[in-house]
Amino acid sequence: KRHKLTPLVVDPVMVATSGDVLLAHDAVAAVRRDLVPLATVITPNLHEAARLLDTAVASDEDEMRDQGRRLLALGPQAVLIKGGHRPGED
């Protein structure tokens, strides 16, 4: 906050595309509370978006949109959910 870095892109590397957890639960809470609201854009993958919201990984486009809206409500200016394939996709 003090340095007013803009644009601020937050890529919350906390869950690998394989689903392996890379960041402890309390650190995820800190990212959600302290970094996400300051971001110009956040770029979580499907697993990271779910982890930030403490919910299941989106399984269809409607759930992805819903999670994007919920992440946007945390304060960033934009959300780009990226990477990985949804179950059943080739």
Protein backbone atom coordinates (compact mmCIF):
# COMPACT_ATOMS: atom_id res chain seq x y z
CA LYS A 1 0.00 0.00 0.00
CA ARG A 2 2.74 2.37 0.98
CA HIS A 3 4.52 2.27 -2.39
CA LYS A 4 1.38 2.30 -4.59
CA LEU A 5 2.78 -0.08 -7.19
CA THR A 6 0.63 -0.05 -10.32
CA PRO A 7 -0.20 -2.06 -12.17
CA LEU A 8 0.03 -4.87 -9.64
CA VAL A 9 -0.41 -8.36 -11.10
CA VAL A 10 -0.93 -11.09 -8.49
CA ASP A 11 -0.26 -14.62 -9.75
CA PRO A 12 -1.09 -16.64 -6.63
CA VAL A 13 1.15 -19.66 -7.16
CA MET A 14 -0.31 -21.85 -4.43
CA VAL A 15 -1.59 -24.94 -6.22
CA ALA A 16 0.13 -26.63 -9.13
CA THR A 17 -1.97 -27.53 -12.17
CA SER A 18 -1.60 -31.14 -10.99
CA GLY A 19 -3.40 -30.17 -7.78
CA ASP A 20 -0.35 -30.33 -5.50
CA VAL A 21 -0.56 -27.75 -2.69
CA LEU A 22 2.34 -25.28 -2.71
CA LEU A 23 1.20 -22.79 -0.05
CA ALA A 24 0.00 -23.33 3.54
CA HIS A 25 -3.59 -22.47 4.51
CA ASP A 26 -2.62 -19.41 6.60
CA ALA A 27 -0.53 -18.06 3.73
CA VAL A 28 -3.51 -18.46 1.37
CA ALA A 29 -5.59 -16.40 3.81
CA ALA A 30 -2.91 -13.69 3.77
CA VAL A 31 -2.88 -13.61 -0.04
CA ARG A 32 -6.69 -13.33 -0.07
CA ARG A 33 -6.75 -10.66 2.64
CA ASP A 34 -3.62 -8.60 1.90
CA LEU A 35 -2.66 -8.98 -1.78
CA VAL A 36 -5.81 -9.64 -3.77
CA PRO A 37 -7.56 -6.36 -2.77
CA LEU A 38 -4.52 -4.36 -3.96
CA ALA A 39 -4.24 -6.09 -7.33
CA THR A 40 -4.88 -4.59 -10.70
CA VAL A 41 -5.38 -8.15 -11.94
CA ILE A 42 -5.15 -11.59 -10.34
CA THR A 43 -4.33 -14.62 -12.48
CA PRO A 44 -5.12 -17.82 -10.57
CA ASN A 45 -5.41 -21.18 -12.29
CA LEU A 46 -8.54 -23.27 -11.69
CA HIS A 47 -7.14 -24.89 -8.53
CA GLU A 48 -5.85 -21.60 -7.11
CA ALA A 49 -9.19 -19.87 -7.71
CA ALA A 50 -10.92 -22.65 -5.79
CA ARG A 51 -8.37 -22.45 -2.98
CA LEU A 52 -8.72 -18.66 -2.67
CA LEU A 53 -12.49 -19.12 -2.37
CA ASP A 54 -12.30 -22.24 -0.18
CA THR A 55 -14.50 -24.17 -2.60
CA ALA A 56 -14.35 -26.99 -5.16
CA VAL A 57 -12.59 -26.57 -8.49
CA ALA A 58 -14.99 -25.24 -11.13
CA SER A 59 -16.29 -28.03 -13.34
CA ASP A 60 -18.09 -25.98 -16.00
CA GLU A 61 -18.14 -22.50 -17.49
CA ASP A 62 -20.94 -21.28 -15.22
CA GLU A 63 -18.95 -22.23 -12.12
CA MET A 64 -15.85 -20.56 -13.59
CA ARG A 65 -17.80 -17.34 -14.18
CA ASP A 66 -19.23 -17.51 -10.66
CA GLN A 67 -15.77 -17.98 -9.16
CA GLY A 68 -14.46 -15.10 -11.27
CA ARG A 69 -17.22 -12.84 -9.95
CA ARG A 70 -16.56 -13.94 -6.37
CA LEU A 71 -12.84 -13.25 -6.78
CA LEU A 72 -13.62 -9.85 -8.29
CA ALA A 73 -15.70 -9.06 -5.19
CA LEU A 74 -12.50 -9.44 -3.11
CA GLY A 75 -11.22 -6.20 -4.62
CA PRO A 76 -8.99 -6.62 -7.67
CA GLN A 77 -9.81 -4.61 -10.79
CA ALA A 78 -9.80 -7.74 -12.98
CA VAL A 79 -9.62 -11.53 -12.72
CA LEU A 80 -8.21 -13.97 -15.29
CA ILE A 81 -8.68 -17.63 -14.36
CA LYS A 82 -6.15 -19.52 -16.43
CA GLY A 83 -4.39 -22.76 -17.12
CA GLY A 84 -5.25 -26.38 -16.79
CA HIS A 85 -8.09 -28.35 -18.26
CA ARG A 86 -11.44 -28.93 -16.67
CA PRO A 87 -12.37 -32.55 -16.00
CA GLY A 88 -13.45 -34.32 -19.19
CA GLU A 89 -11.70 -31.95 -21.59
CA ASP A 90 -9.05 -33.07 -24.05
